[in-house]
Amino acid sequence: MVAGRDGQHLVIVSHGGIVGASLKDVCPDLDPDLIWTVPNRNCAVTELELHAEHPDADISTARGVLKRWADCGHLA
């Protein structure tokens, strides 16, 4: 999904469990306790910023920074 989309903002819709389980691979410096102690409700928003080591690198080498986790502020 992210190949060839440098500098673009993407919206990816996914199950929160998949996102939570994948974050340890994308954000290796992240404290995993944060992910499993903060509830991730339906329609919550999680924001990541991804950076590739090299522009032509495989996305599997990308590293990310968690900007926002399970934010429900937009829900009434």
C-alpha atoms as a PDB file:
ATOM      1  CA  MET A   1       0.000   0.000   0.000  1.00  0.00           C
ATOM      2  CA  VAL A   2       2.785   2.454   0.700  1.00  0.00           C
ATOM      3  CA  ALA A   3       5.093   1.592  -2.208  1.00  0.00           C
ATOM      4  CA  GLY A   4       5.533   4.592  -4.495  1.00  0.00           C
ATOM      5  CA  ARG A   5       3.636   6.933  -2.163  1.00  0.00           C
ATOM      6  CA  ASP A   6       6.499   8.938  -0.660  1.00  0.00           C
ATOM      7  CA  GLY A   7       5.333  12.152   0.960  1.00  0.00           C
ATOM      8  CA  GLN A   8       1.651  11.203   0.860  1.00  0.00           C
ATOM      9  CA  HIS A   9      -0.795  10.812   3.718  1.00  0.00           C
ATOM     10  CA  LEU A  10      -2.635   7.484   3.626  1.00  0.00           C
ATOM     11  CA  VAL A  11      -5.681   6.268   5.488  1.00  0.00           C
ATOM     12  CA  ILE A  12      -5.689   2.546   6.183  1.00  0.00           C
ATOM     13  CA  VAL A  13      -8.689   0.918   7.831  1.00  0.00           C
ATOM     14  CA  SER A  14      -7.893  -2.150   9.908  1.00  0.00           C
ATOM     15  CA  HIS A  15      -8.827  -4.106  12.988  1.00  0.00           C
ATOM     16  CA  GLY A  16      -7.181  -2.598  16.074  1.00  0.00           C
ATOM     17  CA  GLY A  17      -5.740  -5.952  17.149  1.00  0.00           C
ATOM     18  CA  ILE A  18      -3.776  -6.270  13.919  1.00  0.00           C
ATOM     19  CA  VAL A  19      -2.431  -2.742  14.275  1.00  0.00           C
ATOM     20  CA  GLY A  20      -1.464  -3.340  17.908  1.00  0.00           C
ATOM     21  CA  ALA A  21       0.258  -6.627  17.137  1.00  0.00           C
ATOM     22  CA  SER A  22       2.180  -5.095  14.214  1.00  0.00           C
ATOM     23  CA  LEU A  23       3.461  -2.002  15.988  1.00  0.00           C
ATOM     24  CA  LYS A  24       6.352  -3.822  17.668  1.00  0.00           C
ATOM     25  CA  ASP A  25       7.775  -4.577  14.207  1.00  0.00           C
ATOM     26  CA  VAL A  26       7.304  -1.085  12.796  1.00  0.00           C
ATOM     27  CA  CYS A  27       8.084   0.920  15.956  1.00  0.00           C
ATOM     28  CA  PRO A  28      10.820  -1.048  17.747  1.00  0.00           C
ATOM     29  CA  ASP A  29      11.353   1.662  20.393  1.00  0.00           C
ATOM     30  CA  LEU A  30       7.706   1.643  21.458  1.00  0.00           C
ATOM     31  CA  ASP A  31       6.742   0.442  24.930  1.00  0.00           C
ATOM     32  CA  PRO A  32       4.389  -2.519  24.261  1.00  0.00           C
ATOM     33  CA  ASP A  33       2.608  -1.975  27.581  1.00  0.00           C
ATOM     34  CA  LEU A  34       1.152   1.261  26.205  1.00  0.00           C
ATOM     35  CA  ILE A  35      -0.545  -0.629  23.392  1.00  0.00           C
ATOM     36  CA  TRP A  36      -2.239  -3.210  25.557  1.00  0.00           C
ATOM     37  CA  THR A  37      -3.174  -0.986  28.523  1.00  0.00           C
ATOM     38  CA  VAL A  38      -4.922   1.785  26.540  1.00  0.00           C
ATOM     39  CA  PRO A  39      -8.245   0.519  25.136  1.00  0.00           C
ATOM     40  CA  ASN A  40      -8.574   0.612  21.350  1.00  0.00           C
ATOM     41  CA  ARG A  41     -12.294   1.089  20.728  1.00  0.00           C
ATOM     42  CA  ASN A  42     -14.236   0.781  17.478  1.00  0.00           C
ATOM     43  CA  CYS A  43     -13.534   3.705  15.121  1.00  0.00           C
ATOM     44  CA  ALA A  44     -10.487   4.836  17.127  1.00  0.00           C
ATOM     45  CA  VAL A  45      -7.701   6.572  15.200  1.00  0.00           C
ATOM     46  CA  THR A  46      -4.051   5.541  15.344  1.00  0.00           C
ATOM     47  CA  GLU A  47      -1.469   7.646  13.535  1.00  0.00           C
ATOM     48  CA  LEU A  48       1.972   6.447  12.434  1.00  0.00           C
ATOM     49  CA  GLU A  49       4.775   8.225  10.657  1.00  0.00           C
ATOM     50  CA  LEU A  50       6.855   5.824   8.527  1.00  0.00           C
ATOM     51  CA  HIS A  51      10.374   6.368   7.239  1.00  0.00           C
ATOM     52  CA  ALA A  52      12.285   4.089   4.868  1.00  0.00           C
ATOM     53  CA  GLU A  53      16.025   3.661   5.308  1.00  0.00           C
ATOM     54  CA  HIS A  54      16.471   4.264   1.579  1.00  0.00           C
ATOM     55  CA  PRO A  55      13.933   5.513  -1.022  1.00  0.00           C
ATOM     56  CA  ASP A  56      14.132   2.227  -2.963  1.00  0.00           C
ATOM     57  CA  ALA A  57      14.115   0.030   0.157  1.00  0.00           C
ATOM     58  CA  ASP A  58      11.536  -2.665   0.740  1.00  0.00           C
ATOM     59  CA  ILE A  59       8.747  -1.438   3.023  1.00  0.00           C
ATOM     60  CA  SER A  60       9.630  -4.211   5.477  1.00  0.00           C
ATOM     61  CA  THR A  61      12.696  -2.125   6.409  1.00  0.00           C
ATOM     62  CA  ALA A  62      10.611   0.973   7.197  1.00  0.00           C
ATOM     63  CA  ARG A  63      10.607   2.235  10.755  1.00  0.00           C
ATOM     64  CA  GLY A  64       7.862   4.237  12.335  1.00  0.00           C
ATOM     65  CA  VAL A  65       6.984   6.619  15.098  1.00  0.00           C
ATOM     66  CA  LEU A  66       3.651   6.286  16.859  1.00  0.00           C
ATOM     67  CA  LYS A  67       2.081   9.748  16.790  1.00  0.00           C
ATOM     68  CA  ARG A  68      -1.369   8.883  18.175  1.00  0.00           C
ATOM     69  CA  TRP A  69      -2.801   5.649  19.635  1.00  0.00           C
ATOM     70  CA  ALA A  70      -6.492   4.698  19.920  1.00  0.00           C
ATOM     71  CA  ASP A  71      -7.733   8.290  19.843  1.00  0.00           C
ATOM     72  CA  CYS A  72     -11.519   8.493  20.264  1.00  0.00           C
ATOM     73  CA  GLY A  73     -11.764  12.274  20.548  1.00  0.00           C
ATOM     74  CA  HIS A  74     -13.729  12.503  17.287  1.00  0.00           C
ATOM     75  CA  LEU A  75     -16.523  10.272  18.608  1.00  0.00           C
ATOM     76  CA  ALA A  76     -19.531  11.793  20.320  1.00  0.00           C
END
